Protein backbone atom coordinates (compact mmCIF):
# COMPACT_ATOMS: atom_id res chain seq x y z
CA MET A 1 0.00 -0.11 0.05
CA GLU A 2 2.85 2.38 0.77
CA GLU A 3 4.28 1.83 -2.62
CA GLU A 4 0.87 2.78 -4.31
CA VAL A 5 0.66 6.02 -2.28
CA LYS A 6 4.19 6.97 -3.29
CA LYS A 7 3.59 6.62 -6.86
CA LYS A 8 3.25 9.68 -9.01
CA ASP A 9 0.26 8.22 -10.99
CA MET A 10 -1.32 6.45 -7.90
CA SER A 11 -4.38 4.33 -8.88
CA LEU A 12 -7.11 5.39 -6.41
CA SER A 13 -9.09 2.04 -7.18
CA VAL A 14 -6.09 -0.08 -6.27
CA LEU A 15 -5.59 1.92 -3.09
CA ASN A 16 -9.29 1.73 -2.31
CA SER A 17 -9.38 -2.00 -2.74
CA LYS A 18 -6.15 -2.41 -0.55
CA MET A 19 -7.59 -0.14 2.05
CA GLU A 20 -10.86 -2.11 2.10
CA VAL A 21 -8.91 -5.51 2.55
CA THR A 22 -6.87 -4.10 5.35
CA PHE A 23 -9.73 -2.14 7.15
CA SER A 24 -10.26 -4.74 10.03
CA LEU A 25 -6.43 -4.91 10.74
CA ARG A 26 -6.13 -1.01 10.61
CA ARG A 27 -9.12 -0.65 12.90
CA LYS A 28 -7.89 -3.15 15.30
CA GLU A 29 -4.41 -1.48 15.54
CA ILE A 30 -5.83 2.01 15.93
CA VAL A 31 -8.49 1.13 18.63
CA ALA A 32 -6.22 -1.33 20.57
CA ASP A 33 -2.90 0.50 20.31
CA GLN A 34 -4.03 4.12 20.07
CA PRO A 35 -0.86 5.14 18.14
CA LEU A 36 0.27 8.66 17.57
CA VAL A 37 -1.00 10.25 14.26
CA SER A 38 2.64 10.29 12.99
CA THR A 39 2.67 6.56 13.46
CA VAL A 40 -0.70 5.94 11.66
CA LYS A 41 0.49 8.26 8.80
CA GLN A 42 3.74 6.20 8.35
CA ARG A 43 1.89 2.86 8.64
CA TRP A 44 -1.23 3.67 6.65
CA PRO A 45 -0.36 6.73 4.43
CA GLY A 46 -3.42 6.08 2.10
CA LEU A 47 -5.57 6.96 5.04
CA PHE A 48 -4.34 10.72 4.67
CA ILE A 49 -5.73 11.15 1.02
CA GLU A 50 -8.94 13.04 0.90
CA GLU A 51 -10.88 10.31 -0.94
CA GLN A 52 -9.70 7.79 1.57
CA VAL A 53 -10.86 9.86 4.53
CA TYR A 54 -14.28 9.81 2.90
CA ALA A 55 -14.13 6.07 2.12
CA GLU A 56 -12.94 5.20 5.65
CA PHE A 57 -15.75 7.18 7.31
CA GLN A 58 -18.16 5.33 5.01
CA ARG A 59 -16.46 2.07 6.23
CA ILE A 60 -17.07 2.91 9.88
CA ASP A 61 -20.41 4.70 9.83
CA CYS A 62 -22.08 3.86 6.48
CA ILE A 63 -22.51 7.61 6.02
CA ASP A 64 -21.37 9.72 3.05
CA LEU A 65 -19.13 12.19 4.88
CA LYS A 66 -18.72 14.68 2.08
CA SER A 67 -22.51 14.89 1.29
CA THR A 68 -23.44 15.15 5.04
CA PHE A 69 -20.96 17.77 5.70
CA LEU A 70 -21.92 19.91 2.75
CA THR A 71 -25.65 19.64 3.44
CA SER A 72 -25.06 20.62 7.00
CA LEU A 73 -22.85 23.55 5.88
CA ASP A 74 -25.62 24.67 3.65
CA ASN A 75 -28.03 24.46 6.49
CA HIS A 76 -25.84 26.51 8.82
CA THR A 77 -24.56 29.15 6.17
CA ARG A 78 -27.21 31.76 7.23
CA GLY A 79 -26.20 31.53 10.93
CA PHE A 80 -22.52 31.81 10.02
CA LEU A 81 -23.02 34.98 7.88
CA LYS A 82 -25.06 36.42 10.63
CA MET A 83 -22.35 35.74 13.11
CA TYR A 84 -19.56 37.04 10.72
CA ARG A 85 -21.62 40.27 10.20
CA ALA A 86 -22.11 40.71 13.93
CA LYS A 87 -18.26 40.45 14.38
CA VAL A 88 -17.70 43.04 11.59
CA ASN A 89 -20.30 45.31 13.26
CA GLN A 90 -18.40 45.13 16.53
CA GLY A 91 -15.34 46.22 14.66
CA ARG A 92 -13.54 42.88 15.11
CA GLY A 93 -13.46 41.47 11.63
CA SER A 94 -11.88 43.72 9.11
CA ASP A 95 -10.64 40.86 6.90
CA MET A 96 -14.11 39.33 7.13
CA GLU A 97 -15.70 42.76 6.08
CA VAL A 98 -13.87 42.55 2.64
CA LEU A 99 -14.99 38.97 2.20
CA LEU A 100 -18.64 39.77 2.94
CA GLU A 101 -18.52 42.81 0.73
CA LYS A 102 -17.30 40.41 -2.20
CA LEU A 103 -20.15 37.94 -1.28
CA ASP A 104 -22.78 40.61 -1.23
CA SER A 105 -21.64 41.93 -4.69
CA GLN A 106 -21.80 38.45 -6.09
CA VAL A 107 -25.22 37.70 -4.68
CA THR A 108 -26.59 41.07 -5.92
CA TYR A 109 -25.10 40.47 -9.26
CA GLN A 110 -26.74 36.96 -9.44
CA LEU A 111 -30.10 38.46 -8.41
CA PHE A 112 -30.19 40.84 -11.27
């Protein structure tokens, strides 16, 4: 598996199948030994590739992590924007003010 991750043109399907085959061993090691993240990264480097993070979450919880996260983010966007605007109004978010102005101009442009 380490060799596959080190390849420049790594095959995600090969990596995914190797990660599936080694799931029970990996889970046992991580739960029983509680290794440092650096040790996990050295032993299971494929686990630190974005696609494999999603796949591992699916293996553990049978939930599509990316879809669930993006849906939740959509549901909370209005609240985040209110919070960010409150920070700007309190004078504590000058960088955020620039971003919110850009967002407002994009939204206004799309509405008209």
